[in-house]
Amino acid sequence: MRGNRGKMSLKLRRRNEDPMREYDRLPPELRAWLAAAVLPWRPRSVRRAFDKALAETGDRDFALTRLTALQGRLVARDAAAVWGPDHPAVQGEQTSK
C-alpha cells in the first residue's frame, strides 16, 4: 500500500512513534519548512539534518537553506531512479554541482 506517497523509490518503513507529537516539538521555522516540503520527511529526520547544518554553520537561515539543498539532491536522485536521467529535476541537479 503506497498511500499518498505517489510514485517514488523511497522505501516504506513502519515506525512506532507519533509523528504529530514530533512535528509539534519542532521549532516554528522547521514546521513551516516541513509543511512546504516536496518529500514526505519525518519530523525526526528534518530535525537531525537541521541540527547538523546548524552546528556546522551557526546560522538558522543558512541551515534551512542547506535543508532545501539536501531535499533538491534527494529529489534529483529519486527522479533519476523513477523517471530516468533525462528528467528535468535530474538535469537541474547535475548543472548545480
N, C-alpha and C. Protein backbone atom coordinates (compact mmCIF):
# COMPACT_ATOMS: atom_id res chain seq x y z
N MET A 1 0.84 -1.18 0.00
CA MET A 1 0.00 0.00 0.00
C MET A 1 0.89 1.25 0.00
N ARG A 2 0.67 2.14 -0.96
CA ARG A 2 1.51 3.32 -1.08
C ARG A 2 0.91 4.53 -0.41
N GLY A 3 -0.36 4.56 -0.17
CA GLY A 3 -0.96 5.73 0.44
C GLY A 3 -0.84 6.95 -0.43
N ASN A 4 -0.49 8.08 0.15
CA ASN A 4 -0.38 9.31 -0.62
C ASN A 4 1.05 9.65 -0.99
N ARG A 5 1.96 8.69 -0.98
CA ARG A 5 3.35 8.94 -1.30
C ARG A 5 3.58 9.17 -2.79
N GLY A 6 2.66 8.74 -3.64
CA GLY A 6 2.86 8.89 -5.07
C GLY A 6 3.91 7.92 -5.57
N LYS A 7 4.40 8.19 -6.78
CA LYS A 7 5.40 7.32 -7.38
C LYS A 7 6.79 7.79 -6.95
N MET A 8 7.49 6.97 -6.18
CA MET A 8 8.83 7.30 -5.74
C MET A 8 9.57 6.03 -5.38
N SER A 9 10.87 6.15 -5.28
CA SER A 9 11.69 4.98 -4.97
C SER A 9 12.02 4.86 -3.49
N LEU A 10 11.53 5.79 -2.66
CA LEU A 10 11.81 5.72 -1.23
C LEU A 10 11.17 4.50 -0.61
N LYS A 11 11.90 3.89 0.31
CA LYS A 11 11.39 2.70 0.98
C LYS A 11 10.37 3.07 2.04
N LEU A 12 9.34 2.26 2.17
CA LEU A 12 8.34 2.45 3.21
C LEU A 12 8.82 1.77 4.48
N ARG A 13 8.80 2.49 5.58
CA ARG A 13 9.24 1.94 6.86
C ARG A 13 8.15 2.17 7.89
N ARG A 14 7.82 1.15 8.63
CA ARG A 14 6.85 1.27 9.71
C ARG A 14 7.57 1.79 10.95
N ARG A 15 6.96 2.69 11.65
CA ARG A 15 7.55 3.30 12.84
C ARG A 15 6.58 3.18 14.01
N ASN A 16 7.12 3.13 15.21
CA ASN A 16 6.30 3.07 16.42
C ASN A 16 6.29 4.41 17.14
N GLU A 17 6.47 5.48 16.42
CA GLU A 17 6.50 6.80 17.05
C GLU A 17 5.27 7.60 16.63
N ASP A 18 5.07 8.69 17.29
CA ASP A 18 3.94 9.56 16.98
C ASP A 18 4.47 10.75 16.18
N PRO A 19 4.32 10.73 14.85
CA PRO A 19 4.89 11.80 14.04
C PRO A 19 4.28 13.17 14.33
N MET A 20 3.03 13.23 14.72
CA MET A 20 2.43 14.52 15.04
C MET A 20 3.02 15.12 16.31
N ARG A 21 3.29 14.30 17.29
CA ARG A 21 3.93 14.79 18.51
C ARG A 21 5.34 15.31 18.19
N GLU A 22 6.06 14.57 17.34
CA GLU A 22 7.39 15.02 16.93
C GLU A 22 7.31 16.32 16.13
N TYR A 23 6.31 16.42 15.26
CA TYR A 23 6.10 17.64 14.47
C TYR A 23 5.83 18.82 15.39
N ASP A 24 4.99 18.62 16.40
CA ASP A 24 4.66 19.70 17.33
C ASP A 24 5.86 20.18 18.13
N ARG A 25 6.85 19.32 18.30
CA ARG A 25 8.05 19.69 19.06
C ARG A 25 9.06 20.48 18.22
N LEU A 26 8.88 20.52 16.90
CA LEU A 26 9.80 21.26 16.04
C LEU A 26 9.66 22.76 16.27
N PRO A 27 10.76 23.51 16.08
CA PRO A 27 10.63 24.97 16.15
C PRO A 27 9.77 25.47 14.99
N PRO A 28 9.17 26.64 15.13
CA PRO A 28 8.25 27.14 14.10
C PRO A 28 8.83 27.19 12.69
N GLU A 29 10.10 27.60 12.55
CA GLU A 29 10.67 27.68 11.20
C GLU A 29 10.82 26.30 10.56
N LEU A 30 11.08 25.27 11.36
CA LEU A 30 11.16 23.91 10.81
C LEU A 30 9.78 23.37 10.47
N ARG A 31 8.78 23.69 11.28
CA ARG A 31 7.42 23.27 10.95
C ARG A 31 6.97 23.91 9.64
N ALA A 32 7.29 25.17 9.45
CA ALA A 32 6.93 25.86 8.21
C ALA A 32 7.67 25.23 7.02
N TRP A 33 8.95 24.93 7.20
CA TRP A 33 9.72 24.31 6.12
C TRP A 33 9.13 22.94 5.77
N LEU A 34 8.83 22.17 6.79
CA LEU A 34 8.30 20.82 6.58
C LEU A 34 6.92 20.86 5.93
N ALA A 35 6.11 21.84 6.28
CA ALA A 35 4.78 21.96 5.68
C ALA A 35 4.86 22.22 4.18
N ALA A 36 5.93 22.86 3.73
CA ALA A 36 6.10 23.17 2.31
C ALA A 36 7.04 22.19 1.60
N ALA A 37 7.51 21.18 2.31
CA ALA A 37 8.48 20.24 1.74
C ALA A 37 7.87 19.44 0.58
N VAL A 38 8.73 19.06 -0.34
CA VAL A 38 8.31 18.29 -1.51
C VAL A 38 8.25 16.80 -1.16
N LEU A 39 9.15 16.35 -0.33
CA LEU A 39 9.23 14.94 0.04
C LEU A 39 8.50 14.68 1.36
N PRO A 40 8.12 13.44 1.61
CA PRO A 40 7.44 13.09 2.86
C PRO A 40 8.44 12.88 4.00
N TRP A 41 9.03 13.96 4.47
CA TRP A 41 10.03 13.90 5.53
C TRP A 41 9.40 13.49 6.86
N ARG A 42 10.16 12.78 7.66
CA ARG A 42 9.77 12.54 9.05
C ARG A 42 10.27 13.72 9.87
N PRO A 43 9.52 14.16 10.85
CA PRO A 43 9.99 15.28 11.68
C PRO A 43 11.36 15.01 12.31
N ARG A 44 11.60 13.79 12.72
CA ARG A 44 12.90 13.46 13.34
C ARG A 44 14.04 13.61 12.34
N SER A 45 13.81 13.23 11.08
CA SER A 45 14.84 13.35 10.06
C SER A 45 15.14 14.82 9.76
N VAL A 46 14.09 15.64 9.68
CA VAL A 46 14.28 17.06 9.43
C VAL A 46 15.05 17.69 10.59
N ARG A 47 14.68 17.35 11.80
CA ARG A 47 15.35 17.91 12.98
C ARG A 47 16.83 17.52 12.99
N ARG A 48 17.13 16.27 12.67
CA ARG A 48 18.52 15.81 12.67
C ARG A 48 19.35 16.55 11.61
N ALA A 49 18.81 16.66 10.40
CA ALA A 49 19.51 17.36 9.32
C ALA A 49 19.68 18.84 9.66
N PHE A 50 18.65 19.45 10.23
CA PHE A 50 18.72 20.87 10.61
C PHE A 50 19.76 21.08 11.70
N ASP A 51 19.74 20.23 12.72
CA ASP A 51 20.70 20.37 13.82
C ASP A 51 22.14 20.21 13.32
N LYS A 52 22.35 19.29 12.39
CA LYS A 52 23.69 19.09 11.82
C LYS A 52 24.12 20.34 11.05
N ALA A 53 23.24 20.86 10.21
CA ALA A 53 23.57 22.06 9.44
C ALA A 53 23.77 23.26 10.36
N LEU A 54 22.98 23.37 11.40
CA LEU A 54 23.11 24.48 12.35
C LEU A 54 24.43 24.39 13.10
N ALA A 55 24.84 23.19 13.47
CA ALA A 55 26.12 23.01 14.17
C ALA A 55 27.29 23.41 13.26
N GLU A 56 27.16 23.14 11.97
CA GLU A 56 28.23 23.46 11.03
C GLU A 56 28.26 24.95 10.68
N THR A 57 27.09 25.58 10.60
CA THR A 57 27.03 26.96 10.11
C THR A 57 26.82 27.99 11.22
N GLY A 58 26.09 27.61 12.27
CA GLY A 58 25.76 28.56 13.32
C GLY A 58 24.67 29.55 12.94
N ASP A 59 24.08 29.39 11.76
CA ASP A 59 23.09 30.33 11.23
C ASP A 59 21.81 29.56 10.89
N ARG A 60 20.71 29.91 11.55
CA ARG A 60 19.45 29.18 11.35
C ARG A 60 18.94 29.31 9.91
N ASP A 61 19.04 30.50 9.33
CA ASP A 61 18.57 30.68 7.95
C ASP A 61 19.41 29.87 6.97
N PHE A 62 20.72 29.85 7.18
CA PHE A 62 21.57 29.08 6.29
C PHE A 62 21.33 27.58 6.48
N ALA A 63 21.03 27.17 7.72
CA ALA A 63 20.72 25.76 7.97
C ALA A 63 19.45 25.35 7.20
N LEU A 64 18.45 26.24 7.15
CA LEU A 64 17.24 25.96 6.36
C LEU A 64 17.57 25.89 4.87
N THR A 65 18.46 26.75 4.41
CA THR A 65 18.90 26.71 3.01
C THR A 65 19.58 25.38 2.71
N ARG A 66 20.36 24.88 3.65
CA ARG A 66 21.02 23.58 3.45
C ARG A 66 20.01 22.45 3.43
N LEU A 67 18.95 22.55 4.21
CA LEU A 67 17.87 21.55 4.15
C LEU A 67 17.23 21.54 2.77
N THR A 68 16.98 22.71 2.22
CA THR A 68 16.39 22.82 0.89
C THR A 68 17.32 22.22 -0.15
N ALA A 69 18.62 22.46 -0.02
CA ALA A 69 19.58 21.88 -0.96
C ALA A 69 19.62 20.35 -0.83
N LEU A 70 19.57 19.86 0.40
CA LEU A 70 19.53 18.42 0.62
C LEU A 70 18.29 17.81 -0.03
N GLN A 71 17.16 18.45 0.16
CA GLN A 71 15.93 17.96 -0.46
C GLN A 71 16.05 17.95 -1.98
N GLY A 72 16.67 18.97 -2.56
CA GLY A 72 16.88 19.01 -4.00
C GLY A 72 17.71 17.84 -4.50
N ARG A 73 18.75 17.50 -3.75
CA ARG A 73 19.59 16.34 -4.14
C ARG A 73 18.79 15.04 -4.04
N LEU A 74 17.98 14.91 -3.00
CA LEU A 74 17.17 13.70 -2.85
C LEU A 74 16.13 13.58 -3.95
N VAL A 75 15.51 14.70 -4.32
CA VAL A 75 14.53 14.70 -5.41
C VAL A 75 15.21 14.31 -6.71
N ALA A 76 16.39 14.87 -6.97
CA ALA A 76 17.11 14.54 -8.21
C ALA A 76 17.47 13.06 -8.26
N ARG A 77 17.92 12.52 -7.14
CA ARG A 77 18.27 11.10 -7.10
C ARG A 77 17.03 10.23 -7.32
N ASP A 78 15.93 10.62 -6.67
CA ASP A 78 14.70 9.87 -6.81
C ASP A 78 14.15 9.98 -8.22
N ALA A 79 14.22 11.17 -8.81
CA ALA A 79 13.74 11.37 -10.18
C ALA A 79 14.53 10.51 -11.15
N ALA A 80 15.83 10.42 -10.94
CA ALA A 80 16.65 9.57 -11.81
C ALA A 80 16.25 8.11 -11.70
N ALA A 81 15.96 7.66 -10.47
CA ALA A 81 15.57 6.26 -10.27
C ALA A 81 14.19 5.97 -10.82
N VAL A 82 13.26 6.92 -10.71
CA VAL A 82 11.88 6.69 -11.12
C VAL A 82 11.66 7.00 -12.60
N TRP A 83 12.15 8.15 -13.06
CA TRP A 83 11.83 8.60 -14.42
C TRP A 83 13.02 8.59 -15.37
N GLY A 84 14.22 8.33 -14.86
CA GLY A 84 15.39 8.26 -15.72
C GLY A 84 16.23 9.52 -15.69
N PRO A 85 17.43 9.45 -16.27
CA PRO A 85 18.39 10.56 -16.18
C PRO A 85 18.01 11.80 -16.98
N ASP A 86 17.01 11.71 -17.85
CA ASP A 86 16.61 12.87 -18.65
C ASP A 86 15.55 13.73 -17.97
N HIS A 87 15.10 13.36 -16.79
CA HIS A 87 14.09 14.15 -16.08
C HIS A 87 14.66 15.52 -15.72
N PRO A 88 13.88 16.60 -15.83
CA PRO A 88 14.39 17.95 -15.53
C PRO A 88 14.97 18.12 -14.14
N ALA A 89 14.43 17.42 -13.14
CA ALA A 89 14.99 17.54 -11.79
C ALA A 89 16.39 16.98 -11.73
N VAL A 90 16.65 15.95 -12.50
CA VAL A 90 17.99 15.36 -12.53
C VAL A 90 18.94 16.30 -13.26
N GLN A 91 18.50 16.83 -14.37
CA GLN A 91 19.33 17.75 -15.16
C GLN A 91 19.69 18.99 -14.34
N GLY A 92 18.73 19.54 -13.62
CA GLY A 92 18.99 20.72 -12.81
C GLY A 92 20.00 20.46 -11.72
N GLU A 93 19.95 19.29 -11.11
CA GLU A 93 20.88 18.96 -10.04
C GLU A 93 22.29 18.76 -10.60
N GLN A 94 22.40 18.18 -11.77
CA GLN A 94 23.74 17.95 -12.37
C GLN A 94 24.41 19.27 -12.71
N THR A 95 23.66 20.26 -13.14
CA THR A 95 24.26 21.54 -13.50
C THR A 95 24.58 22.39 -12.29
N SER A 96 23.96 22.11 -11.13
CA SER A 96 24.22 22.92 -9.93
C SER A 96 25.38 22.40 -9.11
N LYS A 97 25.96 21.27 -9.46
CA LYS A 97 27.09 20.70 -8.70
C LYS A 97 28.39 21.38 -9.05
